[in-house]
Amino acid sequence: MATVDREKLPIKMLNDRILVRLDPEGERKTSGGILIPATAEAALGKRLIWGEVAAHGPNVRTMETGDQVLFAPEDRFEVEVRDETYIVLRERDIHAVAATRLEEGSTGLYL
């Protein structure tokens, strides 16, 4: 029986699942320019975070690879793929999508 090297297998997301890449540092800046490290995030209470869609399943209708998505950090499942950590979410766990393709008919909010 041959062994399979999982590191080289292609990955396909299923159904409404989304693979999200987070900012590696997890830091953010306030509008006043103050840098808040990832370790301080828990003290701030419930706060939504942004990530980038790395892959998505065939039933995902509202986002594409490369879009920025807003979600609650407590709704996530972490997975390591090829030495990089990603988050797996369902489409219904996404609160907002930011992408240049959404400019037409958008709400007028810009990041």
PDB file of N, CA and C in Angstrom:
ATOM      1  N   MET A   1       0.826  -1.171   0.000  1.00  0.00           N
ATOM      2  CA  MET A   1       0.000   0.000   0.000  1.00  0.00           C
ATOM      3  C   MET A   1       0.882   1.251   0.000  1.00  0.00           C
ATOM      4  N   ALA A   2       0.660   2.148  -0.950  1.00  0.00           N
ATOM      5  CA  ALA A   2       1.468   3.358  -1.072  1.00  0.00           C
ATOM      6  C   ALA A   2       0.985   4.418  -0.092  1.00  0.00           C
ATOM      7  N   THR A   3       1.934   5.167   0.447  1.00  0.00           N
ATOM      8  CA  THR A   3       1.562   6.274   1.337  1.00  0.00           C
ATOM      9  C   THR A   3       1.307   7.516   0.497  1.00  0.00           C
ATOM     10  N   VAL A   4       0.393   8.344   0.967  1.00  0.00           N
ATOM     11  CA  VAL A   4       0.022   9.557   0.248  1.00  0.00           C
ATOM     12  C   VAL A   4       0.585  10.760   0.986  1.00  0.00           C
ATOM     13  N   ASP A   5       1.255  11.647   0.260  1.00  0.00           N
ATOM     14  CA  ASP A   5       1.786  12.876   0.835  1.00  0.00           C
ATOM     15  C   ASP A   5       0.679  13.935   0.820  1.00  0.00           C
ATOM     16  N   ARG A   6       0.054  14.167   1.982  1.00  0.00           N
ATOM     17  CA  ARG A   6      -1.071  15.105   2.061  1.00  0.00           C
ATOM     18  C   ARG A   6      -0.664  16.540   1.730  1.00  0.00           C
ATOM     19  N   GLU A   7       0.611  16.863   1.873  1.00  0.00           N
ATOM     20  CA  GLU A   7       1.072  18.222   1.585  1.00  0.00           C
ATOM     21  C   GLU A   7       0.949  18.573   0.106  1.00  0.00           C
ATOM     22  N   LYS A   8       0.883  17.573  -0.762  1.00  0.00           N
ATOM     23  CA  LYS A   8       0.845  17.840  -2.203  1.00  0.00           C
ATOM     24  C   LYS A   8      -0.523  17.608  -2.822  1.00  0.00           C
ATOM     25  N   LEU A   9      -1.499  17.202  -2.017  1.00  0.00           N
ATOM     26  CA  LEU A   9      -2.839  16.962  -2.549  1.00  0.00           C
ATOM     27  C   LEU A   9      -3.573  18.282  -2.759  1.00  0.00           C
ATOM     28  N   PRO A  10      -4.334  18.406  -3.836  1.00  0.00           N
ATOM     29  CA  PRO A  10      -5.154  19.604  -4.014  1.00  0.00           C
ATOM     30  C   PRO A  10      -6.297  19.603  -3.003  1.00  0.00           C
ATOM     31  N   ILE A  11      -6.764  20.797  -2.647  1.00  0.00           N
ATOM     32  CA  ILE A  11      -7.842  20.937  -1.668  1.00  0.00           C
ATOM     33  C   ILE A  11      -9.026  21.604  -2.340  1.00  0.00           C
ATOM     34  N   LYS A  12     -10.207  21.041  -2.117  1.00  0.00           N
ATOM     35  CA  LYS A  12     -11.438  21.618  -2.648  1.00  0.00           C
ATOM     36  C   LYS A  12     -12.380  21.865  -1.483  1.00  0.00           C
ATOM     37  N   MET A  13     -12.820  23.107  -1.320  1.00  0.00           N
ATOM     38  CA  MET A  13     -13.781  23.423  -0.272  1.00  0.00           C
ATOM     39  C   MET A  13     -15.151  22.899  -0.704  1.00  0.00           C
ATOM     40  N   LEU A  14     -15.948  22.429   0.245  1.00  0.00           N
ATOM     41  CA  LEU A  14     -17.241  21.842  -0.056  1.00  0.00           C
ATOM     42  C   LEU A  14     -18.395  22.762   0.353  1.00  0.00           C
ATOM     43  N   ASN A  15     -19.507  22.611  -0.331  1.00  0.00           N
ATOM     44  CA  ASN A  15     -20.767  23.281  -0.022  1.00  0.00           C
ATOM     45  C   ASN A  15     -20.605  24.790   0.180  1.00  0.00           C
ATOM     46  N   ASP A  16     -20.983  25.292   1.358  1.00  0.00           N
ATOM     47  CA  ASP A  16     -20.944  26.734   1.613  1.00  0.00           C
ATOM     48  C   ASP A  16     -19.745  27.128   2.477  1.00  0.00           C
ATOM     49  N   ARG A  17     -18.705  26.308   2.468  1.00  0.00           N
ATOM     50  CA  ARG A  17     -17.529  26.580   3.309  1.00  0.00           C
ATOM     51  C   ARG A  17     -16.580  27.567   2.626  1.00  0.00           C
ATOM     52  N   ILE A  18     -15.918  28.373   3.480  1.00  0.00           N
ATOM     53  CA  ILE A  18     -14.994  29.402   3.003  1.00  0.00           C
ATOM     54  C   ILE A  18     -13.686  29.260   3.770  1.00  0.00           C
ATOM     55  N   LEU A  19     -12.579  29.283   3.063  1.00  0.00           N
ATOM     56  CA  LEU A  19     -11.255  29.245   3.664  1.00  0.00           C
ATOM     57  C   LEU A  19     -10.738  30.681   3.699  1.00  0.00           C
ATOM     58  N   VAL A  20     -10.463  31.204   4.903  1.00  0.00           N
ATOM     59  CA  VAL A  20     -10.110  32.609   5.086  1.00  0.00           C
ATOM     60  C   VAL A  20      -8.698  32.721   5.624  1.00  0.00           C
ATOM     61  N   ARG A  21      -7.930  33.629   5.017  1.00  0.00           N
ATOM     62  CA  ARG A  21      -6.557  33.915   5.454  1.00  0.00           C
ATOM     63  C   ARG A  21      -6.597  35.182   6.313  1.00  0.00           C
ATOM     64  N   LEU A  22      -6.021  35.106   7.508  1.00  0.00           N
ATOM     65  CA  LEU A  22      -5.967  36.252   8.410  1.00  0.00           C
ATOM     66  C   LEU A  22      -4.657  37.004   8.256  1.00  0.00           C
ATOM     67  N   ASP A  23      -4.652  38.237   8.730  1.00  0.00           N
ATOM     68  CA  ASP A  23      -3.418  39.017   8.798  1.00  0.00           C
ATOM     69  C   ASP A  23      -2.481  38.287   9.750  1.00  0.00           C
ATOM     70  N   PRO A  24      -1.245  37.986   9.341  1.00  0.00           N
ATOM     71  CA  PRO A  24      -0.364  37.175  10.181  1.00  0.00           C
ATOM     72  C   PRO A  24      -0.079  37.778  11.548  1.00  0.00           C
ATOM     73  N   GLU A  25       0.009  39.082  11.648  1.00  0.00           N
ATOM     74  CA  GLU A  25       0.285  39.689  12.936  1.00  0.00           C
ATOM     75  C   GLU A  25      -0.977  39.818  13.776  1.00  0.00           C
ATOM     76  N   GLY A  26      -2.122  39.983  13.145  1.00  0.00           N
ATOM     77  CA  GLY A  26      -3.355  40.157  13.874  1.00  0.00           C
ATOM     78  C   GLY A  26      -3.471  41.510  14.542  1.00  0.00           C
ATOM     79  N   GLU A  27      -2.576  42.420  14.205  1.00  0.00           N
ATOM     80  CA  GLU A  27      -2.611  43.754  14.799  1.00  0.00           C
ATOM     81  C   GLU A  27      -3.522  44.661  13.990  1.00  0.00           C
ATOM     82  N   ARG A  28      -3.997  45.712  14.629  1.00  0.00           N
ATOM     83  CA  ARG A  28      -4.802  46.701  13.924  1.00  0.00           C
ATOM     84  C   ARG A  28      -4.485  48.075  14.466  1.00  0.00           C
ATOM     85  N   LYS A  29      -4.824  49.098  13.684  1.00  0.00           N
ATOM     86  CA  LYS A  29      -4.607  50.481  14.092  1.00  0.00           C
ATOM     87  C   LYS A  29      -5.945  51.164  14.294  1.00  0.00           C
ATOM     88  N   THR A  30      -6.014  52.010  15.311  1.00  0.00           N
ATOM     89  CA  THR A  30      -7.206  52.816  15.501  1.00  0.00           C
ATOM     90  C   THR A  30      -7.160  53.981  14.533  1.00  0.00           C
ATOM     91  N   SER A  31      -8.268  54.718  14.410  1.00  0.00           N
ATOM     92  CA  SER A  31      -8.279  55.863  13.506  1.00  0.00           C
ATOM     93  C   SER A  31      -7.285  56.944  13.944  1.00  0.00           C
ATOM     94  N   GLY A  32      -6.914  56.943  15.223  1.00  0.00           N
ATOM     95  CA  GLY A  32      -5.925  57.895  15.730  1.00  0.00           C
ATOM     96  C   GLY A  32      -4.499  57.419  15.549  1.00  0.00           C
ATOM     97  N   GLY A  33      -4.298  56.219  14.985  1.00  0.00           N
ATOM     98  CA  GLY A  33      -2.955  55.712  14.716  1.00  0.00           C
ATOM     99  C   GLY A  33      -2.368  54.848  15.811  1.00  0.00           C
ATOM    100  N   ILE A  34      -3.142  54.512  16.825  1.00  0.00           N
ATOM    101  CA  ILE A  34      -2.636  53.667  17.909  1.00  0.00           C
ATOM    102  C   ILE A  34      -2.661  52.215  17.459  1.00  0.00           C
ATOM    103  N   LEU A  35      -1.534  51.523  17.615  1.00  0.00           N
ATOM    104  CA  LEU A  35      -1.408  50.124  17.223  1.00  0.00           C
ATOM    105  C   LEU A  35      -1.886  49.232  18.362  1.00  0.00           C
ATOM    106  N   ILE A  36      -2.851  48.338  18.092  1.00  0.00           N
ATOM    107  CA  ILE A  36      -3.386  47.420  19.098  1.00  0.00           C
ATOM    108  C   ILE A  36      -2.925  46.010  18.737  1.00  0.00           C
ATOM    109  N   PRO A  37      -2.086  45.377  19.576  1.00  0.00           N
ATOM    110  CA  PRO A  37      -1.595  44.029  19.267  1.00  0.00           C
ATOM    111  C   PRO A  37      -2.701  42.993  19.383  1.00  0.00           C
ATOM    112  N   ALA A  38      -2.512  41.860  18.742  1.00  0.00           N
ATOM    113  CA  ALA A  38      -3.507  40.783  18.741  1.00  0.00           C
ATOM    114  C   ALA A  38      -3.780  40.274  20.151  1.00  0.00           C
ATOM    115  N   THR A  39      -2.784  40.318  21.036  1.00  0.00           N
ATOM    116  CA  THR A  39      -2.967  39.814  22.398  1.00  0.00           C
ATOM    117  C   THR A  39      -3.941  40.678  23.197  1.00  0.00           C
ATOM    118  N   ALA A  40      -4.145  41.921  22.799  1.00  0.00           N
ATOM    119  CA  ALA A  40      -5.063  42.816  23.512  1.00  0.00           C
ATOM    120  C   ALA A  40      -6.484  42.716  22.996  1.00  0.00           C
ATOM    121  N   GLU A  41      -6.707  42.038  21.896  1.00  0.00           N
ATOM    122  CA  GLU A  41      -8.035  41.953  21.283  1.00  0.00           C
ATOM    123  C   GLU A  41      -9.066  41.337  22.219  1.00  0.00           C
ATOM    124  N   ALA A  42      -8.686  40.320  22.989  1.00  0.00           N
ATOM    125  CA  ALA A  42      -9.647  39.648  23.862  1.00  0.00           C
ATOM    126  C   ALA A  42     -10.191  40.588  24.925  1.00  0.00           C
ATOM    127  N   ALA A  43      -9.388  41.527  25.352  1.00  0.00           N
ATOM    128  CA  ALA A  43      -9.821  42.467  26.386  1.00  0.00           C
ATOM    129  C   ALA A  43     -10.832  43.476  25.853  1.00  0.00           C
ATOM    130  N   LEU A  44     -10.933  43.629  24.553  1.00  0.00           N
ATOM    131  CA  LEU A  44     -11.834  44.619  23.972  1.00  0.00           C
ATOM    132  C   LEU A  44     -13.266  44.121  23.856  1.00  0.00           C
ATOM    133  N   GLY A  45     -13.514  42.872  24.175  1.00  0.00           N
ATOM    134  CA  GLY A  45     -14.864  42.333  24.070  1.00  0.00           C
ATOM    135  C   GLY A  45     -15.130  41.794  22.684  1.00  0.00           C
ATOM    136  N   LYS A  46     -16.420  41.654  22.352  1.00  0.00           N
ATOM    137  CA  LYS A  46     -16.788  41.104  21.046  1.00  0.00           C
ATOM    138  C   LYS A  46     -16.491  42.108  19.952  1.00  0.00           C
ATOM    139  N   ARG A  47     -15.649  41.714  19.042  1.00  0.00           N
ATOM    140  CA  ARG A  47     -15.254  42.587  17.945  1.00  0.00           C
ATOM    141  C   ARG A  47     -15.115  41.733  16.695  1.00  0.00           C
ATOM    142  N   LEU A  48     -15.716  42.168  15.602  1.00  0.00           N
ATOM    143  CA  LEU A  48     -15.603  41.459  14.332  1.00  0.00           C
ATOM    144  C   LEU A  48     -14.234  41.733  13.728  1.00  0.00           C
ATOM    145  N   ILE A  49     -13.719  40.767  12.950  1.00  0.00           N
ATOM    146  CA  ILE A  49     -12.414  40.927  12.317  1.00  0.00           C
ATOM    147  C   ILE A  49     -12.523  40.669  10.816  1.00  0.00           C
ATOM    148  N   TRP A  50     -11.531  41.174  10.076  1.00  0.00           N
ATOM    149  CA  TRP A  50     -11.478  41.028   8.622  1.00  0.00           C
ATOM    150  C   TRP A  50     -10.489  39.946   8.241  1.00  0.00           C
ATOM    151  N   GLY A  51     -10.767  39.266   7.147  1.00  0.00           N
ATOM    152  CA  GLY A  51      -9.864  38.277   6.580  1.00  0.00           C
ATOM    153  C   GLY A  51     -10.053  38.245   5.074  1.00  0.00           C
ATOM    154  N   GLU A  52      -9.192  37.517   4.382  1.00  0.00           N
ATOM    155  CA  GLU A  52      -9.252  37.424   2.922  1.00  0.00           C
ATOM    156  C   GLU A  52      -9.669  36.016   2.506  1.00  0.00           C
ATOM    157  N   VAL A  53     -10.610  35.916   1.578  1.00  0.00           N
ATOM    158  CA  VAL A  53     -11.072  34.621   1.087  1.00  0.00           C
ATOM    159  C   VAL A  53      -9.956  33.987   0.255  1.00  0.00           C
ATOM    160  N   ALA A  54      -9.475  32.816   0.698  1.00  0.00           N
ATOM    161  CA  ALA A  54      -8.428  32.096  -0.020  1.00  0.00           C
ATOM    162  C   ALA A  54      -9.037  31.049  -0.957  1.00  0.00           C
ATOM    163  N   ALA A  55     -10.195  30.487  -0.558  1.00  0.00           N
ATOM    164  CA  ALA A  55     -10.901  29.491  -1.372  1.00  0.00           C
ATOM    165  C   ALA A  55     -12.332  29.403  -0.866  1.00  0.00           C
ATOM    166  N   HIS A  56     -13.214  28.885  -1.725  1.00  0.00           N
ATOM    167  CA  HIS A  56     -14.608  28.729  -1.305  1.00  0.00           C
ATOM    168  C   HIS A  56     -15.241  27.548  -2.023  1.00  0.00           C
ATOM    169  N   GLY A  57     -16.302  27.028  -1.407  1.00  0.00           N
ATOM    170  CA  GLY A  57     -17.019  25.894  -1.963  1.00  0.00           C
ATOM    171  C   GLY A  57     -17.938  26.307  -3.107  1.00  0.00           C
ATOM    172  N   PRO A  58     -18.497  25.344  -3.835  1.00  0.00           N
ATOM    173  CA  PRO A  58     -19.320  25.628  -5.012  1.00  0.00           C
ATOM    174  C   PRO A  58     -20.658  26.299  -4.705  1.00  0.00           C
ATOM    175  N   ASN A  59     -21.148  26.197  -3.468  1.00  0.00           N
ATOM    176  CA  ASN A  59     -22.435  26.792  -3.121  1.00  0.00           C
ATOM    177  C   ASN A  59     -22.330  28.189  -2.523  1.00  0.00           C
ATOM    178  N   VAL A  60     -21.130  28.756  -2.472  1.00  0.00           N
ATOM    179  CA  VAL A  60     -20.951  30.122  -1.978  1.00  0.00           C
ATOM    180  C   VAL A  60     -21.347  31.088  -3.088  1.00  0.00           C
ATOM    181  N   ARG A  61     -22.297  31.985  -2.797  1.00  0.00           N
ATOM    182  CA  ARG A  61     -22.847  32.850  -3.845  1.00  0.00           C
ATOM    183  C   ARG A  61     -22.431  34.310  -3.736  1.00  0.00           C
ATOM    184  N   THR A  62     -22.043  34.779  -2.555  1.00  0.00           N
ATOM    185  CA  THR A  62     -21.866  36.215  -2.367  1.00  0.00           C
ATOM    186  C   THR A  62     -20.428  36.688  -2.284  1.00  0.00           C
ATOM    187  N   MET A  63     -19.474  35.804  -2.434  1.00  0.00           N
ATOM    188  CA  MET A  63     -18.079  36.235  -2.361  1.00  0.00           C
ATOM    189  C   MET A  63     -17.208  35.411  -3.296  1.00  0.00           C
ATOM    190  N   GLU A  64     -16.031  35.965  -3.595  1.00  0.00           N
ATOM    191  CA  GLU A  64     -15.074  35.320  -4.486  1.00  0.00           C
ATOM    192  C   GLU A  64     -13.707  35.305  -3.825  1.00  0.00           C
ATOM    193  N   THR A  65     -12.813  34.497  -4.359  1.00  0.00           N
ATOM    194  CA  THR A  65     -11.444  34.452  -3.861  1.00  0.00           C
ATOM    195  C   THR A  65     -10.824  35.845  -3.966  1.00  0.00           C
ATOM    196  N   GLY A  66     -10.174  36.282  -2.895  1.00  0.00           N
ATOM    197  CA  GLY A  66      -9.550  37.595  -2.854  1.00  0.00           C
ATOM    198  C   GLY A  66     -10.388  38.657  -2.168  1.00  0.00           C
ATOM    199  N   ASP A  67     -11.683  38.419  -1.971  1.00  0.00           N
ATOM    200  CA  ASP A  67     -12.549  39.372  -1.275  1.00  0.00           C
ATOM    201  C   ASP A  67     -12.165  39.471   0.196  1.00  0.00           C
ATOM    202  N   GLN A  68     -12.407  40.613   0.800  1.00  0.00           N
ATOM    203  CA  GLN A  68     -12.246  40.800   2.232  1.00  0.00           C
ATOM    204  C   GLN A  68     -13.587  40.501   2.895  1.00  0.00           C
ATOM    205  N   VAL A  69     -13.575  39.723   3.983  1.00  0.00           N
ATOM    206  CA  VAL A  69     -14.811  39.355   4.660  1.00  0.00           C
ATOM    207  C   VAL A  69     -14.724  39.700   6.147  1.00  0.00           C
ATOM    208  N   LEU A  70     -15.864  40.063   6.713  1.00  0.00           N
ATOM    209  CA  LEU A  70     -15.973  40.435   8.119  1.00  0.00           C
ATOM    210  C   LEU A  70     -16.718  39.336   8.859  1.00  0.00           C
ATOM    211  N   PHE A  71     -16.130  38.852   9.966  1.00  0.00           N
ATOM    212  CA  PHE A  71     -16.753  37.761  10.713  1.00  0.00           C
ATOM    213  C   PHE A  71     -16.379  37.851  12.183  1.00  0.00           C
ATOM    214  N   ALA A  72     -17.128  37.123  13.013  1.00  0.00           N
ATOM    215  CA  ALA A  72     -16.858  37.063  14.451  1.00  0.00           C
ATOM    216  C   ALA A  72     -15.785  36.014  14.734  1.00  0.00           C
ATOM    217  N   PRO A  73     -14.747  36.365  15.476  1.00  0.00           N
ATOM    218  CA  PRO A  73     -13.661  35.404  15.719  1.00  0.00           C
ATOM    219  C   PRO A  73     -14.099  34.155  16.481  1.00  0.00           C
ATOM    220  N   GLU A  74     -15.163  34.244  17.276  1.00  0.00           N
ATOM    221  CA  GLU A  74     -15.594  33.057  18.029  1.00  0.00           C
ATOM    222  C   GLU A  74     -16.324  32.035  17.160  1.00  0.00           C
ATOM    223  N   ASP A  75     -16.696  32.389  15.915  1.00  0.00           N
ATOM    224  CA  ASP A  75     -17.378  31.473  15.005  1.00  0.00           C
ATOM    225  C   ASP A  75     -16.422  30.631  14.165  1.00  0.00           C
ATOM    226  N   ARG A  76     -15.156  30.694  14.423  1.00  0.00           N
ATOM    227  CA  ARG A  76     -14.188  30.116  13.501  1.00  0.00           C
ATOM    228  C   ARG A  76     -13.627  28.769  13.940  1.00  0.00           C
ATOM    229  N   PHE A  77     -13.118  28.037  12.936  1.00  0.00           N
ATOM    230  CA  PHE A  77     -12.360  26.813  13.133  1.00  0.00           C
ATOM    231  C   PHE A  77     -11.036  27.009  12.413  1.00  0.00           C
ATOM    232  N   GLU A  78      -9.923  26.804  13.115  1.00  0.00           N
ATOM    233  CA  GLU A  78      -8.606  26.990  12.501  1.00  0.00           C
ATOM    234  C   GLU A  78      -8.113  25.685  11.895  1.00  0.00           C
ATOM    235  N   VAL A  79      -7.388  25.813  10.783  1.00  0.00           N
ATOM    236  CA  VAL A  79      -6.776  24.659  10.130  1.00  0.00           C
ATOM    237  C   VAL A  79      -5.427  25.095   9.559  1.00  0.00           C
ATOM    238  N   GLU A  80      -4.457  24.205   9.604  1.00  0.00           N
ATOM    239  CA  GLU A  80      -3.144  24.503   9.032  1.00  0.00           C
ATOM    240  C   GLU A  80      -3.022  23.777   7.700  1.00  0.00           C
ATOM    241  N   VAL A  81      -2.725  24.534   6.664  1.00  0.00           N
ATOM    242  CA  VAL A  81      -2.561  23.984   5.316  1.00  0.00           C
ATOM    243  C   VAL A  81      -1.219  24.468   4.784  1.00  0.00           C
ATOM    244  N   ARG A  82      -0.340  23.533   4.493  1.00  0.00           N
ATOM    245  CA  ARG A  82       0.986  23.848   3.945  1.00  0.00           C
ATOM    246  C   ARG A  82       1.696  24.927   4.766  1.00  0.00           C
ATOM    247  N   ASP A  83       1.731  24.701   6.064  1.00  0.00           N
ATOM    248  CA  ASP A  83       2.429  25.568   7.028  1.00  0.00           C
ATOM    249  C   ASP A  83       1.834  26.964   7.159  1.00  0.00           C
ATOM    250  N   GLU A  84       0.596  27.168   6.745  1.00  0.00           N
ATOM    251  CA  GLU A  84      -0.075  28.452   6.920  1.00  0.00           C
ATOM    252  C   GLU A  84      -1.416  28.196   7.603  1.00  0.00           C
ATOM    253  N   THR A  85      -1.775  29.051   8.565  1.00  0.00           N
ATOM    254  CA  THR A  85      -3.020  28.880   9.303  1.00  0.00           C
ATOM    255  C   THR A  85      -4.153  29.626   8.619  1.00  0.00           C
ATOM    256  N   TYR A  86      -5.271  28.941   8.442  1.00  0.00           N
ATOM    257  CA  TYR A  86      -6.469  29.503   7.830  1.00  0.00           C
ATOM    258  C   TYR A  86      -7.649  29.300   8.777  1.00  0.00           C
ATOM    259  N   ILE A  87      -8.733  29.978   8.467  1.00  0.00           N
ATOM    260  CA  ILE A  87      -9.981  29.841   9.204  1.00  0.00           C
ATOM    261  C   ILE A  87     -11.011  29.237   8.256  1.00  0.00           C
ATOM    262  N   VAL A  88     -11.814  28.296   8.731  1.00  0.00           N
ATOM    263  CA  VAL A  88     -12.894  27.725   7.940  1.00  0.00           C
ATOM    264  C   VAL A  88     -14.211  28.256   8.499  1.00  0.00           C
ATOM    265  N   LEU A  89     -15.011  28.872   7.629  1.00  0.00           N
ATOM    266  CA  LEU A  89     -16.298  29.453   8.010  1.00  0.00           C
ATOM    267  C   LEU A  89     -17.386  28.977   7.069  1.00  0.00           C
ATOM    268  N   ARG A  90     -18.621  29.137   7.480  1.00  0.00           N
ATOM    269  CA  ARG A  90     -19.762  28.941   6.591  1.00  0.00           C
ATOM    270  C   ARG A  90     -20.144  30.301   6.033  1.00  0.00           C
ATOM    271  N   GLU A  91     -20.781  30.309   4.887  1.00  0.00           N
ATOM    272  CA  GLU A  91     -21.177  31.579   4.271  1.00  0.00           C
ATOM    273  C   GLU A  91     -22.083  32.382   5.199  1.00  0.00           C
ATOM    274  N   ARG A  92     -22.943  31.717   5.935  1.00  0.00           N
ATOM    275  CA  ARG A  92     -23.870  32.424   6.829  1.00  0.00           C
ATOM    276  C   ARG A  92     -23.168  33.087   8.011  1.00  0.00           C
ATOM    277  N   ASP A  93     -21.894  32.722   8.284  1.00  0.00           N
ATOM    278  CA  ASP A  93     -21.139  33.333   9.372  1.00  0.00           C
ATOM    279  C   ASP A  93     -20.464  34.641   8.965  1.00  0.00           C
ATOM    280  N   ILE A  94     -20.545  34.993   7.689  1.00  0.00           N
ATOM    281  CA  ILE A  94     -19.939  36.223   7.184  1.00  0.00           C
ATOM    282  C   ILE A  94     -20.929  37.371   7.341  1.00  0.00           C
ATOM    283  N   HIS A  95     -20.470  38.485   7.924  1.00  0.00           N
ATOM    284  CA  HIS A  95     -21.332  39.644   8.161  1.00  0.00           C
ATOM    285  C   HIS A  95     -21.263  40.676   7.039  1.00  0.00           C
ATOM    286  N   ALA A  96     -20.127  40.760   6.341  1.00  0.00           N
ATOM    287  CA  ALA A  96     -19.972  41.734   5.263  1.00  0.00           C
ATOM    288  C   ALA A  96     -18.870  41.284   4.315  1.00  0.00           C
ATOM    289  N   VAL A  97     -18.949  41.769   3.075  1.00  0.00           N
ATOM    290  CA  VAL A  97     -17.944  41.484   2.051  1.00  0.00           C
ATOM    291  C   VAL A  97     -17.467  42.819   1.484  1.00  0.00           C
ATOM    292  N   ALA A  98     -16.158  42.963   1.323  1.00  0.00           N
ATOM    293  CA  ALA A  98     -15.579  44.163   0.711  1.00  0.00           C
ATOM    294  C   ALA A  98     -14.759  43.733  -0.499  1.00  0.00           C
ATOM    295  N   ALA A  99     -15.097  44.295  -1.676  1.00  0.00           N
ATOM    296  CA  ALA A  99     -14.372  43.966  -2.902  1.00  0.00           C
ATOM    297  C   ALA A  99     -14.574  45.085  -3.909  1.00  0.00           C
ATOM    298  N   THR A 100     -13.609  45.290  -4.786  1.00  0.00           N
ATOM    299  CA  THR A 100     -13.728  46.354  -5.790  1.00  0.00           C
ATOM    300  C   THR A 100     -14.865  46.087  -6.752  1.00  0.00           C
ATOM    301  N   ARG A 101     -15.215  44.832  -6.989  1.00  0.00           N
ATOM    302  CA  ARG A 101     -16.293  44.508  -7.924  1.00  0.00           C
ATOM    303  C   ARG A 101     -17.664  44.923  -7.389  1.00  0.00           C
ATOM    304  N   LEU A 102     -17.760  45.286  -6.117  1.00  0.00           N
ATOM    305  CA  LEU A 102     -19.034  45.661  -5.504  1.00  0.00           C
ATOM    306  C   LEU A 102     -19.334  47.149  -5.606  1.00  0.00           C
ATOM    307  N   GLU A 103     -18.490  47.934  -6.271  1.00  0.00           N
ATOM    308  CA  GLU A 103     -18.657  49.384  -6.321  1.00  0.00           C
ATOM    309  C   GLU A 103     -20.002  49.804  -6.871  1.00  0.00           C
ATOM    310  N   GLU A 104     -20.482  49.157  -7.920  1.00  0.00           N
ATOM    311  CA  GLU A 104     -21.758  49.527  -8.510  1.00  0.00           C
ATOM    312  C   GLU A 104     -22.895  49.111  -7.597  1.00  0.00           C
ATOM    313  N   GLY A 105     -23.689  50.077  -7.150  1.00  0.00           N
ATOM    314  CA  GLY A 105     -24.817  49.784  -6.261  1.00  0.00           C
ATOM    315  C   GLY A 105     -24.412  49.506  -4.842  1.00  0.00           C
ATOM    316  N   SER A 106     -23.219  49.926  -4.437  1.00  0.00           N
ATOM    317  CA  SER A 106     -22.774  49.653  -3.076  1.00  0.00           C
ATOM    318  C   SER A 106     -23.408  50.632  -2.093  1.00  0.00           C
ATOM    319  N   THR A 107     -23.134  50.428  -0.817  1.00  0.00           N
ATOM    320  CA  THR A 107     -23.726  51.248   0.234  1.00  0.00           C
ATOM    321  C   THR A 107     -23.019  52.590   0.388  1.00  0.00           C
ATOM    322  N   GLY A 108     -21.852  52.747  -0.237  1.00  0.00           N
ATOM    323  CA  GLY A 108     -21.108  53.993  -0.096  1.00  0.00           C
ATOM    324  C   GLY A 108     -20.080  53.940   1.006  1.00  0.00           C
ATOM    325  N   LEU A 109     -19.877  52.786   1.635  1.00  0.00           N
ATOM    326  CA  LEU A 109     -18.869  52.629   2.668  1.00  0.00           C
ATOM    327  C   LEU A 109     -17.589  52.135   2.020  1.00  0.00           C
ATOM    328  N   TYR A 110     -16.470  52.711   2.391  1.00  0.00           N
ATOM    329  CA  TYR A 110     -15.198  52.327   1.781  1.00  0.00           C
ATOM    330  C   TYR A 110     -14.183  52.061   2.870  1.00  0.00           C
ATOM    331  N   LEU A 111     -13.354  51.054   2.672  1.00  0.00           N
ATOM    332  CA  LEU A 111     -12.317  50.702   3.650  1.00  0.00           C
ATOM    333  C   LEU A 111     -11.010  51.325   3.267  1.00  0.00           C
TER     334      LEU A 111
END
